[in-house]
ModelCIF file with pLDDT and N, C-alpha, C, O atoms, coordinates in Angstrom:
data_MODEL
#
_entry.id   MODEL 
#
_entity.id                         1 
_entity.type                       polymer 
_entity.pdbx_number_of_molecules   1 
#
_entity_poly.entity_id                      1 
_entity_poly.type                           'polypeptide(L)' 
_entity_poly.nstd_linkage                   no 
_entity_poly.nstd_monomer                   no 
_entity_poly.pdbx_seq_one_letter_code       YDERRRLNEAGKAAIARACARAIPDGASLFLDIGTTTEAVAHELLDH 
_entity_poly.pdbx_seq_one_letter_code_can   YDERRRLNEAGKAAIARACARAIPDGASLFLDIGTTTEAVAHELLDH 
_entity_poly.pdbx_strand_id                 A 
#
loop_
_entity_poly_seq.entity_id 
_entity_poly_seq.num 
_entity_poly_seq.mon_id 
_entity_poly_seq.hetero 
1 1  TYR n 
1 2  ASP n 
1 3  GLU n 
1 4  ARG n 
1 5  ARG n 
1 6  ARG n 
1 7  LEU n 
1 8  ASN n 
1 9  GLU n 
1 10 ALA n 
1 11 GLY n 
1 12 LYS n 
1 13 ALA n 
1 14 ALA n 
1 15 ILE n 
1 16 ALA n 
1 17 ARG n 
1 18 ALA n 
1 19 CYS n 
1 20 ALA n 
1 21 ARG n 
1 22 ALA n 
1 23 ILE n 
1 24 PRO n 
1 25 ASP n 
1 26 GLY n 
1 27 ALA n 
1 28 SER n 
1 29 LEU n 
1 30 PHE n 
1 31 LEU n 
1 32 ASP n 
1 33 ILE n 
1 34 GLY n 
1 35 THR n 
1 36 THR n 
1 37 THR n 
1 38 GLU n 
1 39 ALA n 
1 40 VAL n 
1 41 ALA n 
1 42 HIS n 
1 43 GLU n 
1 44 LEU n 
1 45 LEU n 
1 46 ASP n 
1 47 HIS n 
#
_struct_asym.id          A 
_struct_asym.entity_id   1 
#
loop_
_ma_qa_metric.id 
_ma_qa_metric.mode 
_ma_qa_metric.name 
_ma_qa_metric.software_group_id 
_ma_qa_metric.type 
1 global pLDDT . pLDDT 
2 local  pLDDT . pLDDT 
#
_ma_qa_metric_global.metric_id      1 
_ma_qa_metric_global.metric_value   90.64 
_ma_qa_metric_global.model_id       1 
_ma_qa_metric_global.ordinal_id     1 
#
loop_
_ma_qa_metric_local.label_asym_id 
_ma_qa_metric_local.label_comp_id 
_ma_qa_metric_local.label_seq_id 
_ma_qa_metric_local.metric_id 
_ma_qa_metric_local.metric_value 
_ma_qa_metric_local.model_id 
_ma_qa_metric_local.ordinal_id 
A TYR 1  2 60.00 1 1  
A ASP 2  2 64.00 1 2  
A GLU 3  2 64.00 1 3  
A ARG 4  2 62.00 1 4  
A ARG 5  2 63.00 1 5  
A ARG 6  2 63.00 1 6  
A LEU 7  2 71.00 1 7  
A ASN 8  2 77.00 1 8  
A GLU 9  2 84.00 1 9  
A ALA 10 2 87.00 1 10 
A GLY 11 2 90.00 1 11 
A LYS 12 2 93.00 1 12 
A ALA 13 2 94.00 1 13 
A ALA 14 2 96.00 1 14 
A ILE 15 2 97.00 1 15 
A ALA 16 2 97.00 1 16 
A ARG 17 2 97.00 1 17 
A ALA 18 2 98.00 1 18 
A CYS 19 2 98.00 1 19 
A ALA 20 2 98.00 1 20 
A ARG 21 2 97.00 1 21 
A ALA 22 2 98.00 1 22 
A ILE 23 2 98.00 1 23 
A PRO 24 2 98.00 1 24 
A ASP 25 2 98.00 1 25 
A GLY 26 2 98.00 1 26 
A ALA 27 2 98.00 1 27 
A SER 28 2 98.00 1 28 
A LEU 29 2 97.00 1 29 
A PHE 30 2 98.00 1 30 
A LEU 31 2 98.00 1 31 
A ASP 32 2 95.00 1 32 
A ILE 33 2 93.00 1 33 
A GLY 34 2 90.00 1 34 
A THR 35 2 91.00 1 35 
A THR 36 2 94.00 1 36 
A THR 37 2 96.00 1 37 
A GLU 38 2 95.00 1 38 
A ALA 39 2 96.00 1 39 
A VAL 40 2 98.00 1 40 
A ALA 41 2 98.00 1 41 
A HIS 42 2 97.00 1 42 
A GLU 43 2 98.00 1 43 
A LEU 44 2 98.00 1 44 
A LEU 45 2 97.00 1 45 
A ASP 46 2 97.00 1 46 
A HIS 47 2 98.00 1 47 
#
loop_
_atom_site.group_PDB 
_atom_site.id 
_atom_site.type_symbol 
_atom_site.label_atom_id 
_atom_site.label_alt_id 
_atom_site.label_comp_id 
_atom_site.label_asym_id 
_atom_site.label_entity_id 
_atom_site.label_seq_id 
_atom_site.pdbx_PDB_ins_code 
_atom_site.Cartn_x 
_atom_site.Cartn_y 
_atom_site.Cartn_z 
_atom_site.occupancy 
_atom_site.B_iso_or_equiv 
_atom_site.pdbx_formal_charge 
_atom_site.auth_seq_id 
_atom_site.auth_comp_id 
_atom_site.auth_asym_id 
_atom_site.auth_atom_id 
_atom_site.pdbx_PDB_model_num 
ATOM 1   N N  . TYR A 1 1  ? -45.925 -15.099 -6.864  1.00 60.00 ? 1  TYR A N  1 
ATOM 2   C CA . TYR A 1 1  ? -44.720 -15.959 -6.876  1.00 60.00 ? 1  TYR A CA 1 
ATOM 3   C C  . TYR A 1 1  ? -45.469 -17.299 -7.368  1.00 60.00 ? 1  TYR A C  1 
ATOM 4   O O  . TYR A 1 1  ? -44.977 -17.555 -8.467  1.00 60.00 ? 1  TYR A O  1 
ATOM 5   N N  . ASP A 1 2  ? -46.303 -18.130 -7.091  1.00 64.00 ? 2  ASP A N  1 
ATOM 6   C CA . ASP A 1 2  ? -46.782 -19.224 -7.747  1.00 64.00 ? 2  ASP A CA 1 
ATOM 7   C C  . ASP A 1 2  ? -46.371 -19.583 -9.404  1.00 64.00 ? 2  ASP A C  1 
ATOM 8   O O  . ASP A 1 2  ? -45.976 -20.589 -9.993  1.00 64.00 ? 2  ASP A O  1 
ATOM 9   N N  . GLU A 1 3  ? -46.706 -18.137 -9.798  1.00 64.00 ? 3  GLU A N  1 
ATOM 10  C CA . GLU A 1 3  ? -46.601 -18.331 -11.428 1.00 64.00 ? 3  GLU A CA 1 
ATOM 11  C C  . GLU A 1 3  ? -45.236 -18.258 -11.673 1.00 64.00 ? 3  GLU A C  1 
ATOM 12  O O  . GLU A 1 3  ? -44.688 -18.818 -12.622 1.00 64.00 ? 3  GLU A O  1 
ATOM 13  N N  . ARG A 1 4  ? -44.530 -17.403 -10.617 1.00 62.00 ? 4  ARG A N  1 
ATOM 14  C CA . ARG A 1 4  ? -42.890 -17.359 -11.066 1.00 62.00 ? 4  ARG A CA 1 
ATOM 15  C C  . ARG A 1 4  ? -42.453 -18.310 -11.040 1.00 62.00 ? 4  ARG A C  1 
ATOM 16  O O  . ARG A 1 4  ? -41.522 -18.429 -11.837 1.00 62.00 ? 4  ARG A O  1 
ATOM 17  N N  . ARG A 1 5  ? -42.730 -19.372 -10.314 1.00 63.00 ? 5  ARG A N  1 
ATOM 18  C CA . ARG A 1 5  ? -42.540 -20.788 -9.773  1.00 63.00 ? 5  ARG A CA 1 
ATOM 19  C C  . ARG A 1 5  ? -42.576 -21.945 -11.187 1.00 63.00 ? 5  ARG A C  1 
ATOM 20  O O  . ARG A 1 5  ? -41.660 -22.728 -11.440 1.00 63.00 ? 5  ARG A O  1 
ATOM 21  N N  . ARG A 1 6  ? -43.630 -21.833 -11.843 1.00 63.00 ? 6  ARG A N  1 
ATOM 22  C CA . ARG A 1 6  ? -43.762 -22.351 -12.890 1.00 63.00 ? 6  ARG A CA 1 
ATOM 23  C C  . ARG A 1 6  ? -43.347 -22.064 -14.185 1.00 63.00 ? 6  ARG A C  1 
ATOM 24  O O  . ARG A 1 6  ? -43.426 -22.833 -15.143 1.00 63.00 ? 6  ARG A O  1 
ATOM 25  N N  . LEU A 1 7  ? -42.777 -20.614 -14.184 1.00 71.00 ? 7  LEU A N  1 
ATOM 26  C CA . LEU A 1 7  ? -41.774 -19.895 -15.326 1.00 71.00 ? 7  LEU A CA 1 
ATOM 27  C C  . LEU A 1 7  ? -40.691 -20.839 -15.639 1.00 71.00 ? 7  LEU A C  1 
ATOM 28  O O  . LEU A 1 7  ? -39.948 -21.145 -14.706 1.00 71.00 ? 7  LEU A O  1 
ATOM 29  N N  . ASN A 1 8  ? -40.497 -21.312 -16.710 1.00 77.00 ? 8  ASN A N  1 
ATOM 30  C CA . ASN A 1 8  ? -39.198 -22.071 -17.075 1.00 77.00 ? 8  ASN A CA 1 
ATOM 31  C C  . ASN A 1 8  ? -38.478 -23.038 -15.887 1.00 77.00 ? 8  ASN A C  1 
ATOM 32  O O  . ASN A 1 8  ? -37.287 -22.919 -15.603 1.00 77.00 ? 8  ASN A O  1 
ATOM 33  N N  . GLU A 1 9  ? -39.297 -23.924 -15.298 1.00 84.00 ? 9  GLU A N  1 
ATOM 34  C CA . GLU A 1 9  ? -38.713 -24.444 -14.396 1.00 84.00 ? 9  GLU A CA 1 
ATOM 35  C C  . GLU A 1 9  ? -37.578 -25.531 -14.956 1.00 84.00 ? 9  GLU A C  1 
ATOM 36  O O  . GLU A 1 9  ? -36.789 -25.926 -14.098 1.00 84.00 ? 9  GLU A O  1 
ATOM 37  N N  . ALA A 1 10 ? -37.420 -26.033 -16.245 1.00 87.00 ? 10 ALA A N  1 
ATOM 38  C CA . ALA A 1 10 ? -36.121 -26.761 -16.616 1.00 87.00 ? 10 ALA A CA 1 
ATOM 39  C C  . ALA A 1 10 ? -35.283 -25.672 -16.555 1.00 87.00 ? 10 ALA A C  1 
ATOM 40  O O  . ALA A 1 10 ? -34.532 -25.821 -15.591 1.00 87.00 ? 10 ALA A O  1 
ATOM 41  N N  . GLY A 1 11 ? -35.052 -24.569 -17.184 1.00 90.00 ? 11 GLY A N  1 
ATOM 42  C CA . GLY A 1 11 ? -33.960 -24.014 -17.482 1.00 90.00 ? 11 GLY A CA 1 
ATOM 43  C C  . GLY A 1 11 ? -33.476 -23.167 -15.881 1.00 90.00 ? 11 GLY A C  1 
ATOM 44  O O  . GLY A 1 11 ? -32.390 -22.614 -15.709 1.00 90.00 ? 11 GLY A O  1 
ATOM 45  N N  . LYS A 1 12 ? -34.612 -23.262 -14.835 1.00 93.00 ? 12 LYS A N  1 
ATOM 46  C CA . LYS A 1 12 ? -33.988 -22.719 -13.702 1.00 93.00 ? 12 LYS A CA 1 
ATOM 47  C C  . LYS A 1 12 ? -33.354 -23.974 -12.951 1.00 93.00 ? 12 LYS A C  1 
ATOM 48  O O  . LYS A 1 12 ? -32.402 -23.817 -12.187 1.00 93.00 ? 12 LYS A O  1 
ATOM 49  N N  . ALA A 1 13 ? -33.961 -25.329 -13.216 1.00 94.00 ? 13 ALA A N  1 
ATOM 50  C CA . ALA A 1 13 ? -33.083 -26.372 -12.790 1.00 94.00 ? 13 ALA A CA 1 
ATOM 51  C C  . ALA A 1 13 ? -31.671 -26.575 -13.091 1.00 94.00 ? 13 ALA A C  1 
ATOM 52  O O  . ALA A 1 13 ? -30.725 -26.927 -12.387 1.00 94.00 ? 13 ALA A O  1 
ATOM 53  N N  . ALA A 1 14 ? -31.783 -26.243 -14.394 1.00 96.00 ? 14 ALA A N  1 
ATOM 54  C CA . ALA A 1 14 ? -29.975 -26.414 -15.152 1.00 96.00 ? 14 ALA A CA 1 
ATOM 55  C C  . ALA A 1 14 ? -29.102 -25.271 -14.581 1.00 96.00 ? 14 ALA A C  1 
ATOM 56  O O  . ALA A 1 14 ? -27.894 -25.311 -14.344 1.00 96.00 ? 14 ALA A O  1 
ATOM 57  N N  . ILE A 1 15 ? -30.075 -24.113 -14.386 1.00 97.00 ? 15 ILE A N  1 
ATOM 58  C CA . ILE A 1 15 ? -29.036 -22.935 -13.705 1.00 97.00 ? 15 ILE A CA 1 
ATOM 59  C C  . ILE A 1 15 ? -28.731 -23.257 -12.335 1.00 97.00 ? 15 ILE A C  1 
ATOM 60  O O  . ILE A 1 15 ? -27.594 -23.014 -11.929 1.00 97.00 ? 15 ILE A O  1 
ATOM 61  N N  . ALA A 1 16 ? -29.686 -23.831 -11.473 1.00 97.00 ? 16 ALA A N  1 
ATOM 62  C CA . ALA A 1 16 ? -29.110 -24.306 -10.158 1.00 97.00 ? 16 ALA A CA 1 
ATOM 63  C C  . ALA A 1 16 ? -28.258 -25.334 -10.378 1.00 97.00 ? 16 ALA A C  1 
ATOM 64  O O  . ALA A 1 16 ? -27.092 -25.023 -10.134 1.00 97.00 ? 16 ALA A O  1 
ATOM 65  N N  . ARG A 1 17 ? -28.408 -26.391 -10.733 1.00 97.00 ? 17 ARG A N  1 
ATOM 66  C CA . ARG A 1 17 ? -27.270 -27.302 -10.928 1.00 97.00 ? 17 ARG A CA 1 
ATOM 67  C C  . ARG A 1 17 ? -25.528 -26.748 -11.495 1.00 97.00 ? 17 ARG A C  1 
ATOM 68  O O  . ARG A 1 17 ? -24.450 -27.315 -11.321 1.00 97.00 ? 17 ARG A O  1 
ATOM 69  N N  . ALA A 1 18 ? -25.745 -25.869 -11.973 1.00 98.00 ? 18 ALA A N  1 
ATOM 70  C CA . ALA A 1 18 ? -24.549 -25.349 -12.602 1.00 98.00 ? 18 ALA A CA 1 
ATOM 71  C C  . ALA A 1 18 ? -23.852 -24.241 -11.544 1.00 98.00 ? 18 ALA A C  1 
ATOM 72  O O  . ALA A 1 18 ? -22.644 -24.122 -11.339 1.00 98.00 ? 18 ALA A O  1 
ATOM 73  N N  . CYS A 1 19 ? -24.722 -23.615 -11.051 1.00 98.00 ? 19 CYS A N  1 
ATOM 74  C CA . CYS A 1 19 ? -24.211 -23.092 -9.660  1.00 98.00 ? 19 CYS A CA 1 
ATOM 75  C C  . CYS A 1 19 ? -23.686 -23.734 -8.607  1.00 98.00 ? 19 CYS A C  1 
ATOM 76  O O  . CYS A 1 19 ? -22.616 -23.473 -8.057  1.00 98.00 ? 19 CYS A O  1 
ATOM 77  N N  . ALA A 1 20 ? -24.566 -24.704 -8.292  1.00 98.00 ? 20 ALA A N  1 
ATOM 78  C CA . ALA A 1 20 ? -24.137 -25.518 -7.078  1.00 98.00 ? 20 ALA A CA 1 
ATOM 79  C C  . ALA A 1 20 ? -22.764 -26.118 -7.042  1.00 98.00 ? 20 ALA A C  1 
ATOM 80  O O  . ALA A 1 20 ? -21.957 -26.136 -6.113  1.00 98.00 ? 20 ALA A O  1 
ATOM 81  N N  . ARG A 1 21 ? -22.650 -26.731 -8.570  1.00 97.00 ? 21 ARG A N  1 
ATOM 82  C CA . ARG A 1 21 ? -21.176 -27.116 -8.969  1.00 97.00 ? 21 ARG A CA 1 
ATOM 83  C C  . ARG A 1 21 ? -19.842 -26.224 -8.638  1.00 97.00 ? 21 ARG A C  1 
ATOM 84  O O  . ARG A 1 21 ? -18.657 -26.546 -8.563  1.00 97.00 ? 21 ARG A O  1 
ATOM 85  N N  . ALA A 1 22 ? -20.516 -24.976 -8.472  1.00 98.00 ? 22 ALA A N  1 
ATOM 86  C CA . ALA A 1 22 ? -19.518 -23.843 -8.233  1.00 98.00 ? 22 ALA A CA 1 
ATOM 87  C C  . ALA A 1 22 ? -18.990 -23.697 -6.665  1.00 98.00 ? 22 ALA A C  1 
ATOM 88  O O  . ALA A 1 22 ? -17.936 -23.191 -6.280  1.00 98.00 ? 22 ALA A O  1 
ATOM 89  N N  . ILE A 1 23 ? -19.977 -24.256 -5.937  1.00 98.00 ? 23 ILE A N  1 
ATOM 90  C CA . ILE A 1 23 ? -19.878 -24.095 -4.685  1.00 98.00 ? 23 ILE A CA 1 
ATOM 91  C C  . ILE A 1 23 ? -19.382 -25.396 -3.914  1.00 98.00 ? 23 ILE A C  1 
ATOM 92  O O  . ILE A 1 23 ? -20.028 -26.435 -3.776  1.00 98.00 ? 23 ILE A O  1 
ATOM 93  N N  . PRO A 1 24 ? -18.204 -25.148 -3.479  1.00 98.00 ? 24 PRO A N  1 
ATOM 94  C CA . PRO A 1 24 ? -17.371 -26.103 -2.593  1.00 98.00 ? 24 PRO A CA 1 
ATOM 95  C C  . PRO A 1 24 ? -17.775 -26.520 -1.415  1.00 98.00 ? 24 PRO A C  1 
ATOM 96  O O  . PRO A 1 24 ? -18.144 -25.598 -0.688  1.00 98.00 ? 24 PRO A O  1 
ATOM 97  N N  . ASP A 1 25 ? -17.863 -27.931 -0.807  1.00 98.00 ? 25 ASP A N  1 
ATOM 98  C CA . ASP A 1 25 ? -18.081 -27.996 0.756   1.00 98.00 ? 25 ASP A CA 1 
ATOM 99  C C  . ASP A 1 25 ? -17.423 -27.326 1.418   1.00 98.00 ? 25 ASP A C  1 
ATOM 100 O O  . ASP A 1 25 ? -16.330 -26.957 0.987   1.00 98.00 ? 25 ASP A O  1 
ATOM 101 N N  . GLY A 1 26 ? -17.854 -26.957 2.645   1.00 98.00 ? 26 GLY A N  1 
ATOM 102 C CA . GLY A 1 26 ? -17.369 -26.234 3.880   1.00 98.00 ? 26 GLY A CA 1 
ATOM 103 C C  . GLY A 1 26 ? -17.515 -24.873 3.551   1.00 98.00 ? 26 GLY A C  1 
ATOM 104 O O  . GLY A 1 26 ? -17.167 -24.116 4.457   1.00 98.00 ? 26 GLY A O  1 
ATOM 105 N N  . ALA A 1 27 ? -17.923 -24.344 2.531   1.00 98.00 ? 27 ALA A N  1 
ATOM 106 C CA . ALA A 1 27 ? -18.563 -23.063 2.390   1.00 98.00 ? 27 ALA A CA 1 
ATOM 107 C C  . ALA A 1 27 ? -19.601 -22.173 3.118   1.00 98.00 ? 27 ALA A C  1 
ATOM 108 O O  . ALA A 1 27 ? -20.634 -22.722 3.502   1.00 98.00 ? 27 ALA A O  1 
ATOM 109 N N  . SER A 1 28 ? -19.433 -20.930 3.330   1.00 98.00 ? 28 SER A N  1 
ATOM 110 C CA . SER A 1 28 ? -20.654 -20.186 3.893   1.00 98.00 ? 28 SER A CA 1 
ATOM 111 C C  . SER A 1 28 ? -21.026 -19.555 2.930   1.00 98.00 ? 28 SER A C  1 
ATOM 112 O O  . SER A 1 28 ? -20.166 -19.139 2.153   1.00 98.00 ? 28 SER A O  1 
ATOM 113 N N  . LEU A 1 29 ? -22.592 -19.255 2.650   1.00 97.00 ? 29 LEU A N  1 
ATOM 114 C CA . LEU A 1 29 ? -23.056 -18.803 1.763   1.00 97.00 ? 29 LEU A CA 1 
ATOM 115 C C  . LEU A 1 29 ? -24.265 -18.120 1.917   1.00 97.00 ? 29 LEU A C  1 
ATOM 116 O O  . LEU A 1 29 ? -24.887 -18.585 2.872   1.00 97.00 ? 29 LEU A O  1 
ATOM 117 N N  . PHE A 1 30 ? -24.902 -17.116 1.307   1.00 98.00 ? 30 PHE A N  1 
ATOM 118 C CA . PHE A 1 30 ? -26.346 -16.730 1.551   1.00 98.00 ? 30 PHE A CA 1 
ATOM 119 C C  . PHE A 1 30 ? -27.139 -17.197 0.363   1.00 98.00 ? 30 PHE A C  1 
ATOM 120 O O  . PHE A 1 30 ? -26.553 -17.473 -0.685  1.00 98.00 ? 30 PHE A O  1 
ATOM 121 N N  . LEU A 1 31 ? -28.153 -17.275 0.451   1.00 98.00 ? 31 LEU A N  1 
ATOM 122 C CA . LEU A 1 31 ? -28.965 -17.738 -0.477  1.00 98.00 ? 31 LEU A CA 1 
ATOM 123 C C  . LEU A 1 31 ? -30.435 -16.587 -0.507  1.00 98.00 ? 31 LEU A C  1 
ATOM 124 O O  . LEU A 1 31 ? -31.354 -16.575 0.312   1.00 98.00 ? 31 LEU A O  1 
ATOM 125 N N  . ASP A 1 32 ? -30.321 -15.992 -1.315  1.00 95.00 ? 32 ASP A N  1 
ATOM 126 C CA . ASP A 1 32 ? -31.409 -14.558 -1.858  1.00 95.00 ? 32 ASP A CA 1 
ATOM 127 C C  . ASP A 1 32 ? -32.917 -14.951 -1.864  1.00 95.00 ? 32 ASP A C  1 
ATOM 128 O O  . ASP A 1 32 ? -33.266 -16.128 -1.786  1.00 95.00 ? 32 ASP A O  1 
ATOM 129 N N  . ILE A 1 33 ? -33.797 -13.910 -1.960  1.00 93.00 ? 33 ILE A N  1 
ATOM 130 C CA . ILE A 1 33 ? -35.227 -14.545 -2.451  1.00 93.00 ? 33 ILE A CA 1 
ATOM 131 C C  . ILE A 1 33 ? -35.641 -14.908 -3.707  1.00 93.00 ? 33 ILE A C  1 
ATOM 132 O O  . ILE A 1 33 ? -35.415 -14.160 -4.658  1.00 93.00 ? 33 ILE A O  1 
ATOM 133 N N  . GLY A 1 34 ? -36.186 -15.896 -3.838  1.00 90.00 ? 34 GLY A N  1 
ATOM 134 C CA . GLY A 1 34 ? -36.231 -16.266 -5.488  1.00 90.00 ? 34 GLY A CA 1 
ATOM 135 C C  . GLY A 1 34 ? -36.628 -17.612 -5.700  1.00 90.00 ? 34 GLY A C  1 
ATOM 136 O O  . GLY A 1 34 ? -36.223 -18.448 -4.893  1.00 90.00 ? 34 GLY A O  1 
ATOM 137 N N  . THR A 1 35 ? -37.472 -18.030 -6.804  1.00 91.00 ? 35 THR A N  1 
ATOM 138 C CA . THR A 1 35 ? -37.678 -19.358 -7.283  1.00 91.00 ? 35 THR A CA 1 
ATOM 139 C C  . THR A 1 35 ? -36.297 -19.751 -7.593  1.00 91.00 ? 35 THR A C  1 
ATOM 140 O O  . THR A 1 35 ? -35.919 -20.741 -6.967  1.00 91.00 ? 35 THR A O  1 
ATOM 141 N N  . THR A 1 36 ? -35.299 -19.134 -8.543  1.00 94.00 ? 36 THR A N  1 
ATOM 142 C CA . THR A 1 36 ? -34.367 -19.872 -8.702  1.00 94.00 ? 36 THR A CA 1 
ATOM 143 C C  . THR A 1 36 ? -33.347 -20.129 -7.685  1.00 94.00 ? 36 THR A C  1 
ATOM 144 O O  . THR A 1 36 ? -32.577 -21.036 -7.997  1.00 94.00 ? 36 THR A O  1 
ATOM 145 N N  . THR A 1 37 ? -33.142 -19.598 -6.596  1.00 96.00 ? 37 THR A N  1 
ATOM 146 C CA . THR A 1 37 ? -32.134 -19.467 -5.704  1.00 96.00 ? 37 THR A CA 1 
ATOM 147 C C  . THR A 1 37 ? -33.042 -20.768 -4.872  1.00 96.00 ? 37 THR A C  1 
ATOM 148 O O  . THR A 1 37 ? -32.418 -21.799 -4.617  1.00 96.00 ? 37 THR A O  1 
ATOM 149 N N  . GLU A 1 38 ? -33.910 -20.708 -4.637  1.00 95.00 ? 38 GLU A N  1 
ATOM 150 C CA . GLU A 1 38 ? -34.848 -22.140 -3.987  1.00 95.00 ? 38 GLU A CA 1 
ATOM 151 C C  . GLU A 1 38 ? -34.206 -23.442 -4.782  1.00 95.00 ? 38 GLU A C  1 
ATOM 152 O O  . GLU A 1 38 ? -33.805 -24.460 -4.216  1.00 95.00 ? 38 GLU A O  1 
ATOM 153 N N  . ALA A 1 39 ? -34.189 -23.180 -6.354  1.00 96.00 ? 39 ALA A N  1 
ATOM 154 C CA . ALA A 1 39 ? -33.764 -24.113 -6.903  1.00 96.00 ? 39 ALA A CA 1 
ATOM 155 C C  . ALA A 1 39 ? -32.294 -24.652 -6.712  1.00 96.00 ? 39 ALA A C  1 
ATOM 156 O O  . ALA A 1 39 ? -31.871 -25.795 -6.884  1.00 96.00 ? 39 ALA A O  1 
ATOM 157 N N  . VAL A 1 40 ? -31.734 -23.683 -6.371  1.00 98.00 ? 40 VAL A N  1 
ATOM 158 C CA . VAL A 1 40 ? -30.220 -23.903 -6.053  1.00 98.00 ? 40 VAL A CA 1 
ATOM 159 C C  . VAL A 1 40 ? -30.124 -24.469 -4.593  1.00 98.00 ? 40 VAL A C  1 
ATOM 160 O O  . VAL A 1 40 ? -29.106 -25.073 -4.257  1.00 98.00 ? 40 VAL A O  1 
ATOM 161 N N  . ALA A 1 41 ? -30.926 -24.329 -3.921  1.00 98.00 ? 41 ALA A N  1 
ATOM 162 C CA . ALA A 1 41 ? -31.069 -24.571 -2.347  1.00 98.00 ? 41 ALA A CA 1 
ATOM 163 C C  . ALA A 1 41 ? -31.204 -26.488 -2.549  1.00 98.00 ? 41 ALA A C  1 
ATOM 164 O O  . ALA A 1 41 ? -30.524 -27.327 -1.959  1.00 98.00 ? 41 ALA A O  1 
ATOM 165 N N  . HIS A 1 42 ? -32.355 -26.738 -3.615  1.00 97.00 ? 42 HIS A N  1 
ATOM 166 C CA . HIS A 1 42 ? -32.483 -28.252 -3.620  1.00 97.00 ? 42 HIS A CA 1 
ATOM 167 C C  . HIS A 1 42 ? -31.047 -29.159 -4.369  1.00 97.00 ? 42 HIS A C  1 
ATOM 168 O O  . HIS A 1 42 ? -30.891 -30.380 -4.358  1.00 97.00 ? 42 HIS A O  1 
ATOM 169 N N  . GLU A 1 43 ? -30.195 -28.194 -4.939  1.00 98.00 ? 43 GLU A N  1 
ATOM 170 C CA . GLU A 1 43 ? -28.921 -28.779 -5.513  1.00 98.00 ? 43 GLU A CA 1 
ATOM 171 C C  . GLU A 1 43 ? -28.032 -28.949 -4.760  1.00 98.00 ? 43 GLU A C  1 
ATOM 172 O O  . GLU A 1 43 ? -27.015 -29.533 -5.135  1.00 98.00 ? 43 GLU A O  1 
ATOM 173 N N  . LEU A 1 44 ? -28.190 -28.431 -3.345  1.00 98.00 ? 44 LEU A N  1 
ATOM 174 C CA . LEU A 1 44 ? -27.307 -28.344 -2.314  1.00 98.00 ? 44 LEU A CA 1 
ATOM 175 C C  . LEU A 1 44 ? -27.244 -29.126 -1.153  1.00 98.00 ? 44 LEU A C  1 
ATOM 176 O O  . LEU A 1 44 ? -26.634 -29.072 -0.086  1.00 98.00 ? 44 LEU A O  1 
ATOM 177 N N  . LEU A 1 45 ? -28.145 -29.945 -1.739  1.00 97.00 ? 45 LEU A N  1 
ATOM 178 C CA . LEU A 1 45 ? -28.974 -31.517 -0.411  1.00 97.00 ? 45 LEU A CA 1 
ATOM 179 C C  . LEU A 1 45 ? -27.788 -32.136 -0.028  1.00 97.00 ? 45 LEU A C  1 
ATOM 180 O O  . LEU A 1 45 ? -27.662 -32.419 1.163   1.00 97.00 ? 45 LEU A O  1 
ATOM 181 N N  . ASP A 1 46 ? -26.807 -32.426 -0.888  1.00 97.00 ? 46 ASP A N  1 
ATOM 182 C CA . ASP A 1 46 ? -25.714 -33.602 -1.007  1.00 97.00 ? 46 ASP A CA 1 
ATOM 183 C C  . ASP A 1 46 ? -24.425 -32.718 -0.492  1.00 97.00 ? 46 ASP A C  1 
ATOM 184 O O  . ASP A 1 46 ? -23.457 -33.248 0.053   1.00 97.00 ? 46 ASP A O  1 
ATOM 185 N N  . HIS A 1 47 ? -24.516 -31.520 -0.696  1.00 98.00 ? 47 HIS A N  1 
ATOM 186 C CA . HIS A 1 47 ? -22.735 -30.762 0.005   1.00 98.00 ? 47 HIS A CA 1 
ATOM 187 C C  . HIS A 1 47 ? -22.997 -30.990 1.440   1.00 98.00 ? 47 HIS A C  1 
ATOM 188 O O  . HIS A 1 47 ? -22.155 -30.670 2.279   1.00 98.00 ? 47 HIS A O  1 
#
């Protein structure tokens, strides 16, 4: 898992930003296991 976290961090951050923009305020959602879903969680902190 620690190696997966280091793999393509910039690419995962860009994916997470795009995904978070598609999620509106006031939504219900499920975030699965994975380093990219963790990156999405960071991008949802202002929702």
